[in-house]
Amino acid sequence: MRKQTIQYTSSLDALIAVTKRLSLYENQHQMNSEDFYRQYNQGILSDDVTFIEWANDYRHYLALHQELEQRLNNVA
C-alpha cells in the first residue's frame, strides 16, 4: 500500500483534517477514538491495517491538540 504525504499550511488545518478522519473511523466502527485507542493499546483489538492507521491518526490528533493548546496558553 502506497502512502501519501499531505502538507498543511497550519497545525489547525492538520487538526481539522485528522479530526474528520477520526470521525469516519468512529462512525464506521461505532466507537469513539479514545475508547478505541485504550482498547488498541491494551491489545484487545487486532493489528488490522485500519486499526493501525486509526491509532496513528489518534496519536497525531493528540500531538496537534497539545501543540495548539500550548500556543494558545503562551499567547494568553
PDB file of N, CA and C in Angstrom:
ATOM      1  N   MET A   1       0.831  -1.166   0.000  1.00  0.00           N
ATOM      2  CA  MET A   1       0.000   0.000   0.000  1.00  0.00           C
ATOM      3  C   MET A   1       0.887   1.243   0.000  1.00  0.00           C
ATOM      4  N   ARG A   2       0.624   2.144  -0.903  1.00  0.00           N
ATOM      5  CA  ARG A   2       1.414   3.369  -1.020  1.00  0.00           C
ATOM      6  C   ARG A   2       0.752   4.491  -0.228  1.00  0.00           C
ATOM      7  N   LYS A   3       1.520   5.158   0.616  1.00  0.00           N
ATOM      8  CA  LYS A   3       1.019   6.231   1.455  1.00  0.00           C
ATOM      9  C   LYS A   3       1.295   7.579   0.816  1.00  0.00           C
ATOM     10  N   GLN A   4       0.375   8.502   1.063  1.00  0.00           N
ATOM     11  CA  GLN A   4       0.543   9.869   0.598  1.00  0.00           C
ATOM     12  C   GLN A   4       1.044  10.727   1.746  1.00  0.00           C
ATOM     13  N   THR A   5       1.828  11.723   1.410  1.00  0.00           N
ATOM     14  CA  THR A   5       2.228  12.722   2.382  1.00  0.00           C
ATOM     15  C   THR A   5       1.486  13.997   2.032  1.00  0.00           C
ATOM     16  N   ILE A   6       0.742  14.490   3.009  1.00  0.00           N
ATOM     17  CA  ILE A   6      -0.024  15.709   2.802  1.00  0.00           C
ATOM     18  C   ILE A   6       0.571  16.781   3.701  1.00  0.00           C
ATOM     19  N   GLN A   7       0.825  17.941   3.133  1.00  0.00           N
ATOM     20  CA  GLN A   7       1.347  19.053   3.915  1.00  0.00           C
ATOM     21  C   GLN A   7       0.246  20.090   4.091  1.00  0.00           C
ATOM     22  N   TYR A   8       0.081  20.534   5.327  1.00  0.00           N
ATOM     23  CA  TYR A   8      -0.925  21.527   5.644  1.00  0.00           C
ATOM     24  C   TYR A   8      -0.257  22.864   5.899  1.00  0.00           C
ATOM     25  N   THR A   9      -0.999  23.923   5.675  1.00  0.00           N
ATOM     26  CA  THR A   9      -0.442  25.262   5.861  1.00  0.00           C
ATOM     27  C   THR A   9      -0.378  25.654   7.328  1.00  0.00           C
ATOM     28  N   SER A  10      -1.126  24.965   8.186  1.00  0.00           N
ATOM     29  CA  SER A  10      -1.087  25.277   9.608  1.00  0.00           C
ATOM     30  C   SER A  10      -1.427  24.029  10.419  1.00  0.00           C
ATOM     31  N   SER A  11      -1.079  24.095  11.687  1.00  0.00           N
ATOM     32  CA  SER A  11      -1.423  22.996  12.597  1.00  0.00           C
ATOM     33  C   SER A  11      -2.932  22.880  12.745  1.00  0.00           C
ATOM     34  N   LEU A  12      -3.620  24.000  12.681  1.00  0.00           N
ATOM     35  CA  LEU A  12      -5.077  23.968  12.793  1.00  0.00           C
ATOM     36  C   LEU A  12      -5.695  23.243  11.605  1.00  0.00           C
ATOM     37  N   ASP A  13      -5.198  23.497  10.399  1.00  0.00           N
ATOM     38  CA  ASP A  13      -5.684  22.777   9.216  1.00  0.00           C
ATOM     39  C   ASP A  13      -5.444  21.276   9.357  1.00  0.00           C
ATOM     40  N   ALA A  14      -4.276  20.911   9.862  1.00  0.00           N
ATOM     41  CA  ALA A  14      -3.958  19.499  10.058  1.00  0.00           C
ATOM     42  C   ALA A  14      -4.885  18.887  11.097  1.00  0.00           C
ATOM     43  N   LEU A  15      -5.153  19.613  12.187  1.00  0.00           N
ATOM     44  CA  LEU A  15      -6.039  19.109  13.231  1.00  0.00           C
ATOM     45  C   LEU A  15      -7.447  18.870  12.680  1.00  0.00           C
ATOM     46  N   ILE A  16      -7.924  19.778  11.873  1.00  0.00           N
ATOM     47  CA  ILE A  16      -9.255  19.622  11.273  1.00  0.00           C
ATOM     48  C   ILE A  16      -9.305  18.381  10.385  1.00  0.00           C
ATOM     49  N   ALA A  17      -8.283  18.189   9.564  1.00  0.00           N
ATOM     50  CA  ALA A  17      -8.245  17.033   8.660  1.00  0.00           C
ATOM     51  C   ALA A  17      -8.199  15.718   9.445  1.00  0.00           C
ATOM     52  N   VAL A  18      -7.370  15.667  10.477  1.00  0.00           N
ATOM     53  CA  VAL A  18      -7.252  14.451  11.284  1.00  0.00           C
ATOM     54  C   VAL A  18      -8.570  14.187  12.026  1.00  0.00           C
ATOM     55  N   THR A  19      -9.195  15.237  12.525  1.00  0.00           N
ATOM     56  CA  THR A  19     -10.480  15.083  13.224  1.00  0.00           C
ATOM     57  C   THR A  19     -11.541  14.514  12.296  1.00  0.00           C
ATOM     58  N   LYS A  20     -11.549  14.939  11.057  1.00  0.00           N
ATOM     59  CA  LYS A  20     -12.503  14.396  10.079  1.00  0.00           C
ATOM     60  C   LYS A  20     -12.256  12.906   9.843  1.00  0.00           C
ATOM     61  N   ARG A  21     -10.972  12.518   9.731  1.00  0.00           N
ATOM     62  CA  ARG A  21     -10.655  11.096   9.544  1.00  0.00           C
ATOM     63  C   ARG A  21     -11.065  10.281  10.765  1.00  0.00           C
ATOM     64  N   LEU A  22     -10.825  10.826  11.960  1.00  0.00           N
ATOM     65  CA  LEU A  22     -11.222  10.122  13.177  1.00  0.00           C
ATOM     66  C   LEU A  22     -12.733   9.926  13.224  1.00  0.00           C
ATOM     67  N   SER A  23     -13.461  10.927  12.796  1.00  0.00           N
ATOM     68  CA  SER A  23     -14.918  10.832  12.776  1.00  0.00           C
ATOM     69  C   SER A  23     -15.388   9.705  11.853  1.00  0.00           C
ATOM     70  N   LEU A  24     -14.714   9.533  10.729  1.00  0.00           N
ATOM     71  CA  LEU A  24     -15.062   8.442   9.808  1.00  0.00           C
ATOM     72  C   LEU A  24     -14.827   7.080  10.463  1.00  0.00           C
ATOM     73  N   TYR A  25     -13.678   6.925  11.124  1.00  0.00           N
ATOM     74  CA  TYR A  25     -13.395   5.668  11.825  1.00  0.00           C
ATOM     75  C   TYR A  25     -14.447   5.413  12.906  1.00  0.00           C
ATOM     76  N   GLU A  26     -14.769   6.449  13.672  1.00  0.00           N
ATOM     77  CA  GLU A  26     -15.722   6.302  14.766  1.00  0.00           C
ATOM     78  C   GLU A  26     -17.098   5.880  14.255  1.00  0.00           C
ATOM     79  N   ASN A  27     -17.540   6.499  13.179  1.00  0.00           N
ATOM     80  CA  ASN A  27     -18.837   6.138  12.601  1.00  0.00           C
ATOM     81  C   ASN A  27     -18.825   4.716  12.048  1.00  0.00           C
ATOM     82  N   GLN A  28     -17.741   4.355  11.390  1.00  0.00           N
ATOM     83  CA  GLN A  28     -17.628   3.028  10.787  1.00  0.00           C
ATOM     84  C   GLN A  28     -17.615   1.929  11.844  1.00  0.00           C
ATOM     85  N   HIS A  29     -16.969   2.175  12.968  1.00  0.00           N
ATOM     86  CA  HIS A  29     -16.784   1.140  13.985  1.00  0.00           C
ATOM     87  C   HIS A  29     -17.640   1.360  15.232  1.00  0.00           C
ATOM     88  N   GLN A  30     -18.484   2.399  15.208  1.00  0.00           N
ATOM     89  CA  GLN A  30     -19.392   2.683  16.330  1.00  0.00           C
ATOM     90  C   GLN A  30     -18.661   2.723  17.673  1.00  0.00           C
ATOM     91  N   MET A  31     -17.523   3.464  17.687  1.00  0.00           N
ATOM     92  CA  MET A  31     -16.715   3.572  18.895  1.00  0.00           C
ATOM     93  C   MET A  31     -15.966   4.902  18.824  1.00  0.00           C
ATOM     94  N   ASN A  32     -15.882   5.604  19.953  1.00  0.00           N
ATOM     95  CA  ASN A  32     -15.117   6.847  19.910  1.00  0.00           C
ATOM     96  C   ASN A  32     -13.616   6.536  19.931  1.00  0.00           C
ATOM     97  N   SER A  33     -12.841   7.479  19.478  1.00  0.00           N
ATOM     98  CA  SER A  33     -11.402   7.261  19.307  1.00  0.00           C
ATOM     99  C   SER A  33     -10.679   7.027  20.631  1.00  0.00           C
ATOM    100  N   GLU A  34     -11.121   7.684  21.681  1.00  0.00           N
ATOM    101  CA  GLU A  34     -10.475   7.495  22.978  1.00  0.00           C
ATOM    102  C   GLU A  34     -10.650   6.060  23.471  1.00  0.00           C
ATOM    103  N   ASP A  35     -11.885   5.525  23.373  1.00  0.00           N
ATOM    104  CA  ASP A  35     -12.122   4.134  23.774  1.00  0.00           C
ATOM    105  C   ASP A  35     -11.374   3.160  22.869  1.00  0.00           C
ATOM    106  N   PHE A  36     -11.396   3.445  21.568  1.00  0.00           N
ATOM    107  CA  PHE A  36     -10.665   2.602  20.627  1.00  0.00           C
ATOM    108  C   PHE A  36      -9.181   2.535  21.007  1.00  0.00           C
ATOM    109  N   TYR A  37      -8.581   3.704  21.232  1.00  0.00           N
ATOM    110  CA  TYR A  37      -7.144   3.773  21.485  1.00  0.00           C
ATOM    111  C   TYR A  37      -6.770   3.027  22.765  1.00  0.00           C
ATOM    112  N   ARG A  38      -7.609   3.155  23.789  1.00  0.00           N
ATOM    113  CA  ARG A  38      -7.361   2.440  25.037  1.00  0.00           C
ATOM    114  C   ARG A  38      -7.386   0.927  24.790  1.00  0.00           C
ATOM    115  N   GLN A  39      -8.407   0.444  24.086  1.00  0.00           N
ATOM    116  CA  GLN A  39      -8.523  -0.986  23.790  1.00  0.00           C
ATOM    117  C   GLN A  39      -7.393  -1.469  22.887  1.00  0.00           C
ATOM    118  N   TYR A  40      -7.030  -0.643  21.922  1.00  0.00           N
ATOM    119  CA  TYR A  40      -5.949  -0.999  20.995  1.00  0.00           C
ATOM    120  C   TYR A  40      -4.629  -1.148  21.761  1.00  0.00           C
ATOM    121  N   ASN A  41      -4.341  -0.193  22.630  1.00  0.00           N
ATOM    122  CA  ASN A  41      -3.100  -0.248  23.410  1.00  0.00           C
ATOM    123  C   ASN A  41      -3.077  -1.394  24.405  1.00  0.00           C
ATOM    124  N   GLN A  42      -4.245  -1.833  24.848  1.00  0.00           N
ATOM    125  CA  GLN A  42      -4.315  -2.966  25.779  1.00  0.00           C
ATOM    126  C   GLN A  42      -4.241  -4.302  25.048  1.00  0.00           C
ATOM    127  N   GLY A  43      -4.203  -4.270  23.719  1.00  0.00           N
ATOM    128  CA  GLY A  43      -4.105  -5.489  22.937  1.00  0.00           C
ATOM    129  C   GLY A  43      -5.437  -6.185  22.730  1.00  0.00           C
ATOM    130  N   ILE A  44      -6.527  -5.518  23.070  1.00  0.00           N
ATOM    131  CA  ILE A  44      -7.858  -6.102  22.910  1.00  0.00           C
ATOM    132  C   ILE A  44      -8.233  -6.165  21.430  1.00  0.00           C
ATOM    133  N   LEU A  45      -7.781  -5.166  20.666  1.00  0.00           N
ATOM    134  CA  LEU A  45      -8.075  -5.116  19.234  1.00  0.00           C
ATOM    135  C   LEU A  45      -6.871  -5.593  18.430  1.00  0.00           C
ATOM    136  N   SER A  46      -7.146  -6.104  17.245  1.00  0.00           N
ATOM    137  CA  SER A  46      -6.085  -6.670  16.397  1.00  0.00           C
ATOM    138  C   SER A  46      -5.210  -5.586  15.785  1.00  0.00           C
ATOM    139  N   ASP A  47      -4.151  -6.010  15.130  1.00  0.00           N
ATOM    140  CA  ASP A  47      -3.263  -5.096  14.405  1.00  0.00           C
ATOM    141  C   ASP A  47      -3.675  -4.990  12.949  1.00  0.00           C
ATOM    142  N   ASP A  48      -4.964  -4.948  12.728  1.00  0.00           N
ATOM    143  CA  ASP A  48      -5.521  -4.736  11.395  1.00  0.00           C
ATOM    144  C   ASP A  48      -5.010  -3.398  10.851  1.00  0.00           C
ATOM    145  N   VAL A  49      -4.799  -3.309   9.566  1.00  0.00           N
ATOM    146  CA  VAL A  49      -4.273  -2.089   8.946  1.00  0.00           C
ATOM    147  C   VAL A  49      -5.130  -0.879   9.302  1.00  0.00           C
ATOM    148  N   THR A  50      -6.442  -1.050   9.278  1.00  0.00           N
ATOM    149  CA  THR A  50      -7.337   0.054   9.616  1.00  0.00           C
ATOM    150  C   THR A  50      -7.108   0.518  11.049  1.00  0.00           C
ATOM    151  N   PHE A  51      -6.932  -0.411  11.964  1.00  0.00           N
ATOM    152  CA  PHE A  51      -6.709  -0.039  13.357  1.00  0.00           C
ATOM    153  C   PHE A  51      -5.349   0.642  13.543  1.00  0.00           C
ATOM    154  N   ILE A  52      -4.350   0.193  12.820  1.00  0.00           N
ATOM    155  CA  ILE A  52      -3.032   0.836  12.893  1.00  0.00           C
ATOM    156  C   ILE A  52      -3.134   2.277  12.403  1.00  0.00           C
ATOM    157  N   GLU A  53      -3.826   2.484  11.293  1.00  0.00           N
ATOM    158  CA  GLU A  53      -3.998   3.834  10.757  1.00  0.00           C
ATOM    159  C   GLU A  53      -4.810   4.702  11.712  1.00  0.00           C
ATOM    160  N   TRP A  54      -5.859   4.131  12.298  1.00  0.00           N
ATOM    161  CA  TRP A  54      -6.684   4.869  13.255  1.00  0.00           C
ATOM    162  C   TRP A  54      -5.846   5.272  14.471  1.00  0.00           C
ATOM    163  N   ALA A  55      -5.062   4.350  14.986  1.00  0.00           N
ATOM    164  CA  ALA A  55      -4.207   4.649  16.142  1.00  0.00           C
ATOM    165  C   ALA A  55      -3.197   5.740  15.795  1.00  0.00           C
ATOM    166  N   ASN A  56      -2.603   5.671  14.618  1.00  0.00           N
ATOM    167  CA  ASN A  56      -1.654   6.703  14.197  1.00  0.00           C
ATOM    168  C   ASN A  56      -2.340   8.059  14.066  1.00  0.00           C
ATOM    169  N   ASP A  57      -3.538   8.075  13.487  1.00  0.00           N
ATOM    170  CA  ASP A  57      -4.280   9.331  13.367  1.00  0.00           C
ATOM    171  C   ASP A  57      -4.630   9.883  14.745  1.00  0.00           C
ATOM    172  N   TYR A  58      -4.990   9.016  15.670  1.00  0.00           N
ATOM    173  CA  TYR A  58      -5.334   9.485  17.012  1.00  0.00           C
ATOM    174  C   TYR A  58      -4.106  10.048  17.720  1.00  0.00           C
ATOM    175  N   ARG A  59      -2.950   9.398  17.582  1.00  0.00           N
ATOM    176  CA  ARG A  59      -1.710   9.934  18.167  1.00  0.00           C
ATOM    177  C   ARG A  59      -1.381  11.291  17.557  1.00  0.00           C
ATOM    178  N   HIS A  60      -1.582  11.414  16.254  1.00  0.00           N
ATOM    179  CA  HIS A  60      -1.335  12.685  15.567  1.00  0.00           C
ATOM    180  C   HIS A  60      -2.295  13.751  16.100  1.00  0.00           C
ATOM    181  N   TYR A  61      -3.561  13.385  16.269  1.00  0.00           N
ATOM    182  CA  TYR A  61      -4.555  14.297  16.818  1.00  0.00           C
ATOM    183  C   TYR A  61      -4.119  14.798  18.197  1.00  0.00           C
ATOM    184  N   LEU A  62      -3.694  13.880  19.072  1.00  0.00           N
ATOM    185  CA  LEU A  62      -3.282  14.269  20.420  1.00  0.00           C
ATOM    186  C   LEU A  62      -2.092  15.231  20.384  1.00  0.00           C
ATOM    187  N   ALA A  63      -1.129  14.953  19.516  1.00  0.00           N
ATOM    188  CA  ALA A  63       0.052  15.808  19.412  1.00  0.00           C
ATOM    189  C   ALA A  63      -0.327  17.201  18.894  1.00  0.00           C
ATOM    190  N   LEU A  64      -1.170  17.248  17.871  1.00  0.00           N
ATOM    191  CA  LEU A  64      -1.602  18.538  17.331  1.00  0.00           C
ATOM    192  C   LEU A  64      -2.409  19.323  18.361  1.00  0.00           C
ATOM    193  N   HIS A  65      -3.289  18.636  19.049  1.00  0.00           N
ATOM    194  CA  HIS A  65      -4.117  19.279  20.067  1.00  0.00           C
ATOM    195  C   HIS A  65      -3.236  19.887  21.152  1.00  0.00           C
ATOM    196  N   GLN A  66      -2.246  19.131  21.604  1.00  0.00           N
ATOM    197  CA  GLN A  66      -1.335  19.618  22.644  1.00  0.00           C
ATOM    198  C   GLN A  66      -0.529  20.823  22.144  1.00  0.00           C
ATOM    199  N   GLU A  67      -0.047  20.742  20.905  1.00  0.00           N
ATOM    200  CA  GLU A  67       0.728  21.838  20.326  1.00  0.00           C
ATOM    201  C   GLU A  67      -0.106  23.123  20.274  1.00  0.00           C
ATOM    202  N   LEU A  68      -1.334  23.017  19.787  1.00  0.00           N
ATOM    203  CA  LEU A  68      -2.185  24.197  19.679  1.00  0.00           C
ATOM    204  C   LEU A  68      -2.570  24.737  21.055  1.00  0.00           C
ATOM    205  N   GLU A  69      -2.799  23.854  21.996  1.00  0.00           N
ATOM    206  CA  GLU A  69      -3.128  24.285  23.355  1.00  0.00           C
ATOM    207  C   GLU A  69      -1.964  25.050  23.977  1.00  0.00           C
ATOM    208  N   GLN A  70      -0.744  24.572  23.762  1.00  0.00           N
ATOM    209  CA  GLN A  70       0.431  25.256  24.295  1.00  0.00           C
ATOM    210  C   GLN A  70       0.598  26.632  23.662  1.00  0.00           C
ATOM    211  N   ARG A  71       0.363  26.709  22.351  1.00  0.00           N
ATOM    212  CA  ARG A  71       0.457  28.008  21.669  1.00  0.00           C
ATOM    213  C   ARG A  71      -0.555  28.989  22.221  1.00  0.00           C
ATOM    214  N   LEU A  72      -1.772  28.516  22.450  1.00  0.00           N
ATOM    215  CA  LEU A  72      -2.811  29.399  22.989  1.00  0.00           C
ATOM    216  C   LEU A  72      -2.474  29.849  24.403  1.00  0.00           C
ATOM    217  N   ASN A  73      -1.924  28.962  25.198  1.00  0.00           N
ATOM    218  CA  ASN A  73      -1.544  29.335  26.573  1.00  0.00           C
ATOM    219  C   ASN A  73      -0.404  30.342  26.586  1.00  0.00           C
ATOM    220  N   ASN A  74       0.494  30.266  25.605  1.00  0.00           N
ATOM    221  CA  ASN A  74       1.608  31.213  25.523  1.00  0.00           C
ATOM    222  C   ASN A  74       1.152  32.599  25.092  1.00  0.00           C
ATOM    223  N   VAL A  75       0.045  32.660  24.376  1.00  0.00           N
ATOM    224  CA  VAL A  75      -0.486  33.945  23.905  1.00  0.00           C
ATOM    225  C   VAL A  75      -1.207  34.665  25.034  1.00  0.00           C
ATOM    226  N   ALA A  76      -1.859  33.880  25.886  1.00  0.00           N
ATOM    227  CA  ALA A  76      -2.681  34.471  26.954  1.00  0.00           C
ATOM    228  C   ALA A  76      -1.848  35.085  28.062  1.00  0.00           C
TER     229      ALA A  76
END
